[in-house]
C-alpha atoms as a PDB file:
ATOM      1  CA  MET A   1      81.583  55.501 -74.859  1.00  0.00           C
ATOM      2  CA  ARG A   2      79.541  53.887 -77.927  1.00  0.00           C
ATOM      3  CA  VAL A   3      77.164  50.593 -76.816  1.00  0.00           C
ATOM      4  CA  VAL A   4      75.198  47.924 -78.047  1.00  0.00           C
ATOM      5  CA  ILE A   5      72.378  46.990 -75.857  1.00  0.00           C
ATOM      6  CA  ASP A   6      71.272  43.623 -75.670  1.00  0.00           C
ATOM      7  CA  THR A   7      67.481  42.972 -75.977  1.00  0.00           C
ATOM      8  CA  ASN A   8      68.023  40.739 -72.449  1.00  0.00           C
ATOM      9  CA  VAL A   9      69.544  44.203 -70.508  1.00  0.00           C
ATOM     10  CA  PHE A  10      65.658  46.552 -71.867  1.00  0.00           C
ATOM     11  CA  VAL A  11      63.790  43.733 -70.767  1.00  0.00           C
ATOM     12  CA  GLY A  12      65.468  43.753 -67.342  1.00  0.00           C
ATOM     13  CA  ALA A  13      65.180  47.060 -66.996  1.00  0.00           C
ATOM     14  CA  CYS A  14      61.407  46.920 -67.883  1.00  0.00           C
ATOM     15  CA  LEU A  15      61.447  43.958 -65.407  1.00  0.00           C
ATOM     16  CA  GLY A  16      63.353  45.798 -62.911  1.00  0.00           C
ATOM     17  CA  VAL A  17      66.250  44.536 -62.658  1.00  0.00           C
ATOM     18  CA  GLY A  18      68.851  47.218 -60.811  1.00  0.00           C
ATOM     19  CA  ALA A  19      71.795  46.576 -63.487  1.00  0.00           C
ATOM     20  CA  SER A  20      69.778  46.423 -66.373  1.00  0.00           C
ATOM     21  CA  ASN A  21      68.023  49.639 -65.192  1.00  0.00           C
ATOM     22  CA  GLY A  22      70.849  51.321 -64.687  1.00  0.00           C
ATOM     23  CA  VAL A  23      72.393  50.307 -67.933  1.00  0.00           C
ATOM     24  CA  ILE A  24      69.361  51.873 -69.444  1.00  0.00           C
ATOM     25  CA  ARG A  25      69.755  55.040 -67.412  1.00  0.00           C
ATOM     26  CA  ALA A  26      73.175  55.324 -68.824  1.00  0.00           C
ATOM     27  CA  CYS A  27      71.864  56.078 -72.210  1.00  0.00           C
ATOM     28  CA  LEU A  28      68.601  57.756 -71.311  1.00  0.00           C
ATOM     29  CA  GLU A  29      71.122  60.597 -69.647  1.00  0.00           C
ATOM     30  CA  ARG A  30      73.309  60.592 -73.078  1.00  0.00           C
ATOM     31  CA  ARG A  31      76.487  58.954 -70.820  1.00  0.00           C
ATOM     32  CA  VAL A  32      76.899  56.734 -73.061  1.00  0.00           C
ATOM     33  CA  VAL A  33      75.312  56.378 -77.239  1.00  0.00           C
ATOM     34  CA  PRO A  34      73.629  53.539 -78.000  1.00  0.00           C
ATOM     35  CA  LEU A  35      73.792  51.887 -81.428  1.00  0.00           C
ATOM     36  CA  MET A  36      70.287  50.474 -83.063  1.00  0.00           C
ATOM     37  CA  GLY A  37      69.935  48.324 -86.522  1.00  0.00           C
ATOM     38  CA  GLU A  38      67.261  47.185 -87.841  1.00  0.00           C
ATOM     39  CA  THR A  39      67.706  43.599 -86.716  1.00  0.00           C
ATOM     40  CA  LEU A  40      68.149  44.623 -83.040  1.00  0.00           C
ATOM     41  CA  PHE A  41      64.985  47.004 -83.306  1.00  0.00           C
ATOM     42  CA  ARG A  42      62.795  44.260 -84.578  1.00  0.00           C
ATOM     43  CA  GLU A  43      63.948  41.681 -81.930  1.00  0.00           C
ATOM     44  CA  PHE A  44      63.091  44.879 -78.857  1.00  0.00           C
ATOM     45  CA  GLU A  45      59.283  45.051 -80.744  1.00  0.00           C
ATOM     46  CA  ALA A  46      59.207  40.989 -81.067  1.00  0.00           C
ATOM     47  CA  VAL A  47      59.996  40.790 -77.360  1.00  0.00           C
ATOM     48  CA  LEU A  48      57.695  44.045 -75.409  1.00  0.00           C
ATOM     49  CA  ALA A  49      54.994  42.715 -77.393  1.00  0.00           C
ATOM     50  CA  ARG A  50      55.566  38.990 -75.418  1.00  0.00           C
ATOM     51  CA  ASP A  51      52.618  40.160 -72.606  1.00  0.00           C
ATOM     52  CA  ALA A  52      53.255  36.926 -70.532  1.00  0.00           C
ATOM     53  CA  LEU A  53      57.396  37.645 -70.364  1.00  0.00           C
ATOM     54  CA  PHE A  54      56.115  40.964 -68.636  1.00  0.00           C
ATOM     55  CA  VAL A  55      53.514  39.714 -65.935  1.00  0.00           C
ATOM     56  CA  ASN A  56      55.387  41.110 -63.070  1.00  0.00           C
ATOM     57  CA  SER A  57      56.751  44.127 -64.567  1.00  0.00           C
ATOM     58  CA  ARG A  58      56.457  47.320 -62.626  1.00  0.00           C
ATOM     59  CA  LEU A  59      55.531  48.945 -66.170  1.00  0.00           C
ATOM     60  CA  ASN A  60      52.548  48.670 -67.819  1.00  0.00           C
ATOM     61  CA  ALA A  61      52.438  47.827 -72.066  1.00  0.00           C
ATOM     62  CA  GLN A  62      52.047  51.734 -72.396  1.00  0.00           C
ATOM     63  CA  GLU A  63      54.757  52.707 -70.092  1.00  0.00           C
ATOM     64  CA  ARG A  64      57.171  49.604 -71.479  1.00  0.00           C
ATOM     65  CA  ASN A  65      56.641  51.577 -75.082  1.00  0.00           C
ATOM     66  CA  ALA A  66      57.014  55.327 -73.933  1.00  0.00           C
ATOM     67  CA  LEU A  67      60.436  54.152 -72.329  1.00  0.00           C
ATOM     68  CA  LEU A  68      61.325  52.246 -75.854  1.00  0.00           C
ATOM     69  CA  ASP A  69      60.696  55.493 -77.384  1.00  0.00           C
ATOM     70  CA  SER A  70      62.315  57.798 -75.552  1.00  0.00           C
ATOM     71  CA  TYR A  71      65.488  54.981 -75.859  1.00  0.00           C
ATOM     72  CA  LEU A  72      65.278  55.096 -79.816  1.00  0.00           C
ATOM     73  CA  ALA A  73      64.970  58.694 -79.785  1.00  0.00           C
ATOM     74  CA  LEU A  74      68.587  58.448 -78.511  1.00  0.00           C
ATOM     75  CA  CYS A  75      70.313  55.581 -80.220  1.00  0.00           C
ATOM     76  CA  GLU A  76      72.204  56.296 -83.175  1.00  0.00           C
ATOM     77  CA  TRP A  77      70.659  54.221 -85.853  1.00  0.00           C
ATOM     78  CA  THR A  78      73.354  52.030 -87.759  1.00  0.00           C
ATOM     79  CA  ARG A  79      73.321  50.120 -91.346  1.00  0.00           C
ATOM     80  CA  VAL A  80      74.969  47.168 -90.909  1.00  0.00           C
ATOM     81  CA  TYR A  81      76.412  46.808 -94.516  1.00  0.00           C
ATOM     82  CA  PHE A  82      78.625  43.378 -94.151  1.00  0.00           C
ATOM     83  CA  LEU A  83      77.405  40.141 -92.593  1.00  0.00           C
ATOM     84  CA  TRP A  84      80.200  38.896 -90.851  1.00  0.00           C
ATOM     85  CA  ARG A  85      78.986  35.542 -89.151  1.00  0.00           C
ATOM     86  CA  PRO A  86      80.777  35.622 -86.108  1.00  0.00           C
ATOM     87  CA  ASN A  87      79.502  31.775 -85.804  1.00  0.00           C
ATOM     88  CA  LEU A  88      77.860  32.567 -82.710  1.00  0.00           C
ATOM     89  CA  GLN A  89      77.062  29.332 -80.868  1.00  0.00           C
ATOM     90  CA  ASP A  90      73.273  31.133 -81.230  1.00  0.00           C
ATOM     91  CA  GLU A  91      72.820  31.946 -84.979  1.00  0.00           C
ATOM     92  CA  SER A  92      69.849  34.755 -83.673  1.00  0.00           C
ATOM     93  CA  ASP A  93      73.345  36.163 -81.332  1.00  0.00           C
ATOM     94  CA  ASN A  94      75.959  37.310 -84.719  1.00  0.00           C
ATOM     95  CA  HIS A  95      73.330  40.907 -85.194  1.00  0.00           C
ATOM     96  CA  LEU A  96      74.427  42.153 -82.218  1.00  0.00           C
ATOM     97  CA  ILE A  97      78.575  41.280 -83.013  1.00  0.00           C
ATOM     98  CA  GLU A  98      77.707  42.745 -86.687  1.00  0.00           C
ATOM     99  CA  LEU A  99      76.257  45.504 -85.351  1.00  0.00           C
ATOM    100  CA  ALA A 100      78.487  46.381 -83.169  1.00  0.00           C
ATOM    101  CA  VAL A 101      81.532  46.297 -85.605  1.00  0.00           C
ATOM    102  CA  ALA A 102      79.664  48.094 -88.278  1.00  0.00           C
ATOM    103  CA  GLY A 103      78.777  51.193 -85.022  1.00  0.00           C
ATOM    104  CA  ASP A 104      82.759  51.152 -83.578  1.00  0.00           C
ATOM    105  CA  ALA A 105      80.987  50.438 -80.494  1.00  0.00           C
ATOM    106  CA  ASP A 106      83.410  50.196 -77.714  1.00  0.00           C
ATOM    107  CA  ALA A 107      81.350  47.046 -76.485  1.00  0.00           C
ATOM    108  CA  ILE A 108      78.088  44.828 -76.157  1.00  0.00           C
ATOM    109  CA  VAL A 109      75.822  44.748 -73.079  1.00  0.00           C
ATOM    110  CA  THR A 110      74.395  41.633 -72.144  1.00  0.00           C
ATOM    111  CA  ARG A 111      73.196  39.303 -69.870  1.00  0.00           C
ATOM    112  CA  ASN A 112      74.049  36.217 -73.183  1.00  0.00           C
ATOM    113  CA  LEU A 113      78.209  36.843 -71.799  1.00  0.00           C
ATOM    114  CA  ARG A 114      78.637  32.779 -72.228  1.00  0.00           C
ATOM    115  CA  ASP A 115      77.176  33.170 -76.540  1.00  0.00           C
ATOM    116  CA  LEU A 116      78.580  36.293 -77.306  1.00  0.00           C
ATOM    117  CA  GLN A 117      82.107  35.632 -76.257  1.00  0.00           C
ATOM    118  CA  GLY A 118      82.153  32.103 -77.961  1.00  0.00           C
ATOM    119  CA  ALA A 119      82.735  34.120 -81.612  1.00  0.00           C
ATOM    120  CA  GLN A 120      84.979  32.033 -83.664  1.00  0.00           C
ATOM    121  CA  LEU A 121      86.133  35.368 -85.100  1.00  0.00           C
ATOM    122  CA  ARG A 122      87.631  38.173 -82.562  1.00  0.00           C
ATOM    123  CA  PHE A 123      87.096  42.428 -83.600  1.00  0.00           C
ATOM    124  CA  GLY A 124      89.873  44.010 -81.996  1.00  0.00           C
ATOM    125  CA  ALA A 125      88.849  45.716 -78.537  1.00  0.00           C
ATOM    126  CA  LEU A 126      85.376  44.637 -79.071  1.00  0.00           C
ATOM    127  CA  ARG A 127      84.008  43.609 -75.606  1.00  0.00           C
ATOM    128  CA  VAL A 128      81.153  41.438 -74.052  1.00  0.00           C
ATOM    129  CA  ILE A 129      80.093  43.310 -70.506  1.00  0.00           C
ATOM    130  CA  SER A 130      77.469  42.317 -68.539  1.00  0.00           C
ATOM    131  CA  PRO A 131      75.250  45.033 -67.203  1.00  0.00           C
ATOM    132  CA  GLU A 132      77.280  44.892 -63.692  1.00  0.00           C
ATOM    133  CA  ASP A 133      80.518  45.590 -64.887  1.00  0.00           C
ATOM    134  CA  PHE A 134      79.464  47.602 -67.630  1.00  0.00           C
ATOM    135  CA  LEU A 135      78.037  50.308 -64.503  1.00  0.00           C
ATOM    136  CA  LYS A 136      81.183  49.597 -62.851  1.00  0.00           C
ATOM    137  CA  GLU A 137      83.321  50.384 -65.430  1.00  0.00           C
ATOM    138  CA  LEU A 138      81.119  53.849 -65.760  1.00  0.00           C
ATOM    139  CA  LEU A 139      81.696  55.136 -62.275  1.00  0.00           C
ATOM    140  CA  THR A 140      85.039  54.299 -62.707  1.00  0.00           C
END
């Protein structure tokens, strides 16, 4: 299964949120193939650089960077050649759908369901799913 993992899920794993941990673990165990693109990579780096966000994190900065390195090593790097602009409520989220379409992903795993499900353009079987529901699917 090919998936796009939103930044908020990776951050959740760093903060110790159960379902987010399970999603990243599934990637590290190679049960799913996470896709990565340039825009998503820059977003990961920018968010992980916000020290105030990780005050209550179970991982220190060095451990977060090591986790990111391990995760990135397993990602399938995908180039986005066509900008679909699905017109999401938050323009900065459009890149997630574009990456998913370019990489032929089965799902986008995110905590931002409401905004991502509101796209004006629909792309076949591409699903937007919460970390909890994604893990339930993996277990069945």
